[in-house]
Protein backbone atom coordinates (compact mmCIF):
# COMPACT_ATOMS: atom_id res chain seq x y z
CA VAL A 1 0.00 0.00 0.00
CA TYR A 2 2.79 2.42 0.91
CA HIS A 3 6.05 3.11 -0.88
CA ILE A 4 8.46 4.52 1.72
CA HIS A 5 11.76 5.63 0.23
CA ILE A 6 14.21 5.32 3.13
CA PRO A 7 17.72 3.84 3.53
CA GLU A 8 18.25 0.14 4.13
CA TYR A 9 18.44 -0.65 7.86
CA ASP A 10 22.15 -1.54 7.67
CA HIS A 11 22.95 1.83 6.10
CA PHE A 12 20.76 3.67 8.59
CA SER A 13 22.47 1.99 11.55
CA LEU A 14 25.94 2.48 10.13
CA LEU A 15 25.61 6.16 9.25
CA SER A 16 23.30 7.58 11.92
CA ASN A 17 25.72 6.49 14.68
CA LYS A 18 28.52 9.07 14.78
CA GLU A 19 31.22 6.60 15.82
CA THR A 20 30.61 4.19 12.92
CA PHE A 21 29.99 7.11 10.57
CA TYR A 22 33.45 8.53 11.26
CA SER A 23 34.90 5.07 10.71
CA GLU A 24 33.30 5.04 7.26
CA MET A 25 34.61 8.52 6.49
CA LYS A 26 38.12 7.37 7.44
CA LYS A 27 37.88 4.45 5.00
CA GLY A 28 36.83 6.83 2.24
CA GLY A 29 39.58 9.37 2.97
CA ILE A 30 36.97 11.99 3.89
CA PRO A 31 38.06 14.46 6.62
CA TYR A 32 36.32 14.76 10.02
CA PRO A 33 37.31 16.40 13.34
CA ASP A 34 39.52 14.39 15.74
CA PHE A 35 37.62 12.74 18.59
CA ILE A 36 37.72 10.19 21.37
CA LYS A 37 34.93 7.75 22.24
CA ILE A 38 33.62 7.51 25.80
CA GLU A 39 31.52 4.59 27.06
CA LYS A 40 29.69 4.15 30.35
CA LYS A 41 31.55 0.93 31.19
CA GLU A 42 34.87 2.76 31.00
CA LEU A 43 34.25 6.26 32.30
CA PRO A 44 37.25 8.47 31.49
CA ASN A 45 39.56 9.54 34.27
CA THR A 46 40.65 13.12 34.78
CA ALA A 47 44.03 12.49 33.16
CA MET A 48 42.38 11.14 30.00
CA LEU A 49 40.04 14.13 29.72
CA SER A 50 42.81 16.60 30.57
CA SER A 51 44.87 15.34 27.64
CA PHE A 52 42.20 16.62 25.24
CA SER A 53 42.25 20.23 23.97
CA TYR A 54 39.49 22.61 25.11
CA PRO A 55 37.01 24.08 24.47
CA ALA A 56 35.72 20.87 22.96
CA VAL A 57 32.45 19.48 21.59
CA LEU A 58 30.64 16.73 23.50
CA LYS A 59 27.68 14.92 21.94
CA PRO A 60 25.93 11.54 21.98
CA SER A 61 26.96 9.05 19.34
CA ASP A 62 23.41 7.70 19.12
CA GLY A 63 21.01 10.65 18.93
CA ASN A 64 17.91 8.44 18.76
CA GLU A 65 18.64 6.80 22.13
CA TYR A 66 19.84 10.04 23.69
CA TRP A 67 16.49 11.83 23.32
CA LYS A 68 14.67 8.92 25.00
CA HIS A 69 16.46 9.68 28.30
CA SER A 70 15.66 13.28 29.17
CA PHE A 71 17.09 15.03 32.24
CA PRO A 72 17.18 18.60 33.63
CA GLY A 73 19.58 20.78 31.68
CA MET A 74 19.59 18.44 28.67
CA GLU A 75 21.11 19.98 25.56
CA LYS A 76 21.58 18.84 21.97
CA VAL A 77 25.36 19.45 22.02
CA TYR A 78 27.72 20.55 24.81
CA PHE A 79 30.83 22.73 24.70
CA PRO A 80 32.88 21.96 27.85
CA LYS A 81 35.55 24.56 28.61
CA ASP A 82 37.78 22.15 30.55
CA ALA A 83 38.15 18.53 31.73
CA LEU A 84 36.16 19.06 34.94
CA GLU A 85 33.15 20.43 33.07
CA ALA A 86 33.39 17.58 30.54
CA ALA A 87 33.42 14.99 33.35
CA ARG A 88 30.38 16.60 34.99
CA ILE A 89 28.38 16.54 31.76
CA ILE A 90 29.44 12.98 30.92
CA ASN A 91 28.30 11.69 34.33
CA ARG A 92 24.98 13.51 34.05
CA ILE A 93 24.26 11.97 30.64
CA PHE A 94 25.08 8.41 31.69
CA GLU A 95 23.11 8.80 34.95
CA SER A 96 20.02 9.55 32.82
CA GLY A 97 20.13 5.96 31.52
CA TYR A 98 21.55 6.74 28.07
CA PRO A 99 23.09 3.40 26.93
CA GLY A 100 25.23 4.55 24.02
CA SER A 101 28.69 6.08 23.74
CA LEU A 102 29.67 9.74 23.74
CA ILE A 103 31.92 11.63 21.35
CA LEU A 104 34.41 14.20 22.70
CA GLN A 105 35.51 16.07 19.64
CA LYS A 106 37.93 18.78 18.66
CA LYS A 107 36.13 22.12 18.30
CA VAL A 108 36.64 23.70 14.90
CA GLY A 109 37.73 27.37 15.10
CA LYS A 110 35.29 30.25 15.55
CA SER A 111 35.96 31.46 12.01
CA ALA A 112 34.51 28.25 10.57
CA ASP A 113 31.86 28.35 7.85
CA ASN A 114 29.03 25.83 8.00
CA TYR A 115 27.55 24.05 5.00
CA VAL A 116 24.76 21.57 4.38
CA LEU A 117 24.75 19.03 1.53
CA THR A 118 21.52 17.16 0.79
CA CYS A 119 21.57 14.22 -1.63
CA ILE A 120 18.65 12.18 -2.98
CA SER A 121 19.42 8.66 -4.23
CA ASP A 122 17.09 6.40 -6.22
CA LYS A 123 16.14 2.81 -5.39
CA SER A 124 19.25 1.49 -7.14
CA GLY A 125 21.52 3.56 -4.90
CA ASN A 126 22.47 6.26 -7.42
CA VAL A 127 22.54 9.91 -6.34
CA VAL A 128 20.25 11.77 -8.75
CA ARG A 129 20.09 15.18 -7.04
CA ALA A 130 22.43 17.06 -4.70
CA VAL A 131 22.34 20.68 -3.52
CA LEU A 132 25.00 22.36 -1.38
CA GLY A 133 24.10 25.32 0.82
CA LYS A 134 26.17 27.71 2.89
CA VAL A 135 24.57 28.16 6.31
CA ILE A 136 24.27 31.87 7.07
CA LEU A 137 22.54 31.60 10.45
CA GLU A 138 21.84 28.77 12.92
CA GLU A 139 19.41 28.31 15.77
CA THR A 140 20.96 28.87 19.19
CA GLY A 141 18.49 27.22 21.60
CA LYS A 142 19.80 24.53 23.96
CA THR A 143 17.85 21.71 22.27
CA SER A 144 17.96 23.14 18.74
CA ILE A 145 21.49 24.52 18.49
CA GLY A 146 22.99 23.98 15.04
CA ASN A 147 19.68 23.72 13.19
CA HIS A 148 19.94 25.77 10.01
CA SER A 149 17.77 28.88 9.89
CA ALA A 150 19.22 30.69 6.84
CA ILE A 151 20.95 29.19 3.79
CA ILE A 152 22.38 30.41 0.48
CA THR A 153 22.87 27.74 -2.18
CA VAL A 154 26.33 27.41 -3.74
CA PRO A 155 27.93 25.18 -6.43
CA LEU A 156 28.98 21.63 -5.50
CA ASP A 157 32.64 21.44 -4.48
CA SER A 158 35.25 18.66 -4.42
CA LEU A 159 34.18 17.46 -0.94
CA SER A 160 30.57 17.25 -2.15
CA GLU A 161 31.71 15.13 -5.07
CA LYS A 162 33.59 12.79 -2.69
CA LEU A 163 30.47 12.34 -0.56
CA ILE A 164 28.31 11.70 -3.62
CA ALA A 165 30.83 9.11 -4.83
CA TYR A 166 30.76 7.45 -1.39
CA LEU A 167 26.94 7.18 -1.41
CA ASN A 168 27.04 5.71 -4.92
CA LYS A 169 29.72 3.21 -3.88
CA ILE A 170 27.74 1.79 -0.95
CA LYS A 171 24.46 1.95 -2.95
CA TYR A 172 22.75 4.17 -0.41
CA SER A 173 19.07 4.67 -1.19
CA GLY A 174 17.03 7.56 0.19
CA ILE A 175 17.89 11.06 1.44
CA ALA A 176 21.26 11.90 2.98
CA ASN A 177 21.76 15.21 4.78
CA PHE A 178 25.42 16.08 5.57
CA ASP A 179 26.68 18.77 7.98
CA ILE A 180 30.02 20.20 6.87
CA MET A 181 32.47 22.77 8.31
CA LYS A 182 35.30 24.65 6.63
CA SER A 183 37.97 26.53 8.57
CA ASN A 184 41.41 27.89 7.64
CA GLY A 185 41.52 25.98 4.38
CA LYS A 186 40.49 22.68 6.00
CA GLU A 187 37.21 20.79 5.58
CA TYR A 188 35.38 18.53 8.03
CA VAL A 189 32.29 16.36 7.69
CA LEU A 190 30.46 16.43 11.03
CA GLU A 191 27.58 14.01 10.53
CA LEU A 192 25.05 12.47 8.19
CA ASN A 193 21.31 12.55 8.89
CA PRO A 194 19.74 9.62 6.94
CA ARG A 195 16.58 11.65 6.33
CA GLN A 196 15.35 15.08 5.34
CA GLY A 197 16.80 17.81 7.53
CA ARG A 198 14.54 20.48 9.01
CA SER A 199 15.81 22.97 6.46
CA CYS A 200 15.47 20.72 3.39
CA ASP A 201 12.85 23.09 2.00
CA TYR A 202 15.85 25.01 0.60
CA LEU A 203 16.09 22.30 -2.09
CA ARG A 204 12.58 23.05 -3.38
CA CYS A 205 13.44 26.73 -3.61
CA ALA A 206 16.61 25.82 -5.55
CA GLY A 207 14.57 23.82 -8.07
CA VAL A 208 14.68 20.31 -6.57
CA ASN A 209 11.23 19.06 -5.57
CA ILE A 210 11.77 16.13 -3.18
CA ALA A 211 8.07 15.15 -3.15
CA GLU A 212 8.02 14.95 -6.94
CA LEU A 213 11.11 12.74 -6.94
CA LEU A 214 9.62 10.36 -4.35
CA VAL A 215 6.50 9.95 -6.48
CA SER A 216 8.66 9.20 -9.53
CA PHE A 217 10.59 6.56 -7.57
CA ALA A 218 7.33 4.97 -6.37
CA ARG A 219 6.06 4.79 -9.95
CA GLY A 220 9.26 3.12 -11.09
CA GLU A 221 10.14 6.01 -13.40
CA GLU A 222 13.76 6.59 -14.39
CA VAL A 223 15.24 9.76 -12.91
CA LYS A 224 18.51 10.79 -14.52
CA PRO A 225 21.19 12.51 -12.40
CA ALA A 226 21.11 16.32 -12.66
CA PHE A 227 23.06 18.60 -10.35
CA ASP A 228 22.20 22.05 -11.68
CA PHE A 229 20.63 24.44 -9.17
CA LYS A 230 19.37 27.98 -8.67
CA GLU A 231 21.23 30.38 -6.41
CA ILE A 232 18.70 31.28 -3.72
CA TYR A 233 18.52 32.65 -0.19
CA TRP A 234 16.28 30.57 2.11
CA HIS A 235 15.50 31.81 5.61
CA TYR A 236 13.33 30.73 8.51
CA PRO A 237 13.53 33.88 10.72
CA ASP A 238 12.45 37.26 9.38
CA ASN A 239 14.94 38.73 6.92
CA LYS A 240 15.70 41.64 9.29
CA SER A 241 16.80 39.16 11.98
CA VAL A 242 19.06 37.33 9.52
CA MET A 243 20.64 40.62 8.42
CA ARG A 244 21.11 41.67 12.06
CA TYR A 245 22.78 38.49 13.37
CA SER A 246 24.55 36.86 10.43
CA ASP A 247 28.15 37.42 9.34
CA PRO A 248 28.50 41.00 7.94
CA LYS A 249 30.45 39.67 4.94
CA GLU A 250 27.26 37.92 3.73
CA LEU A 251 24.98 40.98 3.87
CA GLU A 252 25.77 42.25 0.37
CA ARG A 253 25.08 38.81 -1.09
CA ILE A 254 21.79 38.49 0.80
CA SER A 255 20.68 41.94 -0.37
CA ALA A 256 21.51 41.10 -4.00
CA LEU A 257 19.45 37.88 -3.87
CA CYS A 258 16.53 39.72 -2.28
CA LYS A 259 16.59 42.33 -5.06
CA ARG A 260 16.53 39.52 -7.64
CA GLY A 261 13.49 37.99 -5.96
CA ALA A 262 15.53 34.91 -5.04
CA ASP A 263 14.69 34.93 -1.32
CA TYR A 264 12.29 32.36 0.13
CA SER A 265 10.73 31.77 3.53
CA PRO A 266 8.43 28.86 4.50
CA TYR A 267 6.39 31.33 6.54
CA LYS A 268 5.34 33.48 3.60
CA ASN A 269 2.88 32.60 0.85
CA LYS A 270 0.43 34.36 -1.46
CA PHE A 271 -2.60 32.93 0.36
CA GLU A 272 -1.93 34.72 3.67
CA GLY A 273 -4.85 36.42 5.41
CA ILE A 274 -4.72 39.07 8.13
CA LYS A 275 -4.65 36.51 10.98
CA ARG A 276 -1.77 34.67 9.35
CA ARG A 277 0.17 37.92 8.88
CA ILE A 278 -0.29 38.83 12.55
CA TYR A 279 0.88 35.36 13.63
CA VAL A 280 3.99 35.54 11.43
CA PHE A 281 4.82 39.01 12.80
CA VAL A 282 4.46 37.91 16.45
CA HIS A 283 6.41 34.69 15.88
CA GLY A 284 9.19 36.60 14.13
CA PHE A 285 9.38 39.06 17.03
CA ARG A 286 9.70 36.21 19.55
CA LEU A 287 12.30 34.42 17.43
CA ASP A 288 14.40 37.57 17.12
CA GLY A 289 14.30 37.95 20.91
CA ALA A 290 15.37 34.33 21.41
CA ILE A 291 18.33 34.74 19.04
CA ARG A 292 19.39 37.96 20.78
CA LYS A 293 19.11 36.36 24.23
CA ASN A 294 21.21 33.32 23.28
CA ILE A 295 23.86 35.40 21.55
CA ARG A 296 24.24 37.53 24.71
CA SER A 297 24.49 34.36 26.77
CA GLU A 298 27.28 33.03 24.50
CA VAL A 299 29.21 36.29 24.85
CA LYS A 300 29.04 36.07 28.65
């Protein structure tokens, strides 16, 4: 009755777990940040944690299991400033009942640029569409940090081509959503979400209709690979908020795309009534306040 286009279970298990994902990236010669694995059965001692460079990034290897064991102060990702803070967070996570491992990872420099690559592969495991976007602004909430809230599409680069080749090699079928960082001439793949990301609407705006592709796959129609795209600016918060909080070097580019009519927001459509407009205005005001509050907190 239903045709559900998702990855095979083996691929899902292999790539959604950060530890095994990095192992796969190593085999393929694809760069990722240095890390150490921490398991509950062998809690790290102070000397082990002290040998790592800080500030660092601490996150669960198995995100699915992690969210099943909530606790006060739970966050999506942690940024311990030293070994003592890392130990405190690690103990709190394992005390919640989380059964998986943790990843303590090198923090990429503050000047890093974030990117998102979304690939769609057919039933035979061939990538037929791929769109790369530069992330202009991210959410900053404790449980949503890192979620993309503004994106500008850019041409596929050499790292994108490596990731596409990897997906083709393992015959991955479904949607693959990669998080990528670039800093000081170096590139790092952070993770793969074996599903649509929250911001995948940017593909539709760039000319790739995921829903249309899924219907074609279900019908057994041949979809030939095509990687052309439209340069667009996709944003979730109001444009004024994006302009206020994003990197100043991107403002000219954002303005140019807005003038060309190449800016898109999932909140705006031609069928809006007065109630909808009021809701969007109020929500945008609240969102701007949340971004401002979290940015002030980070500065402190």
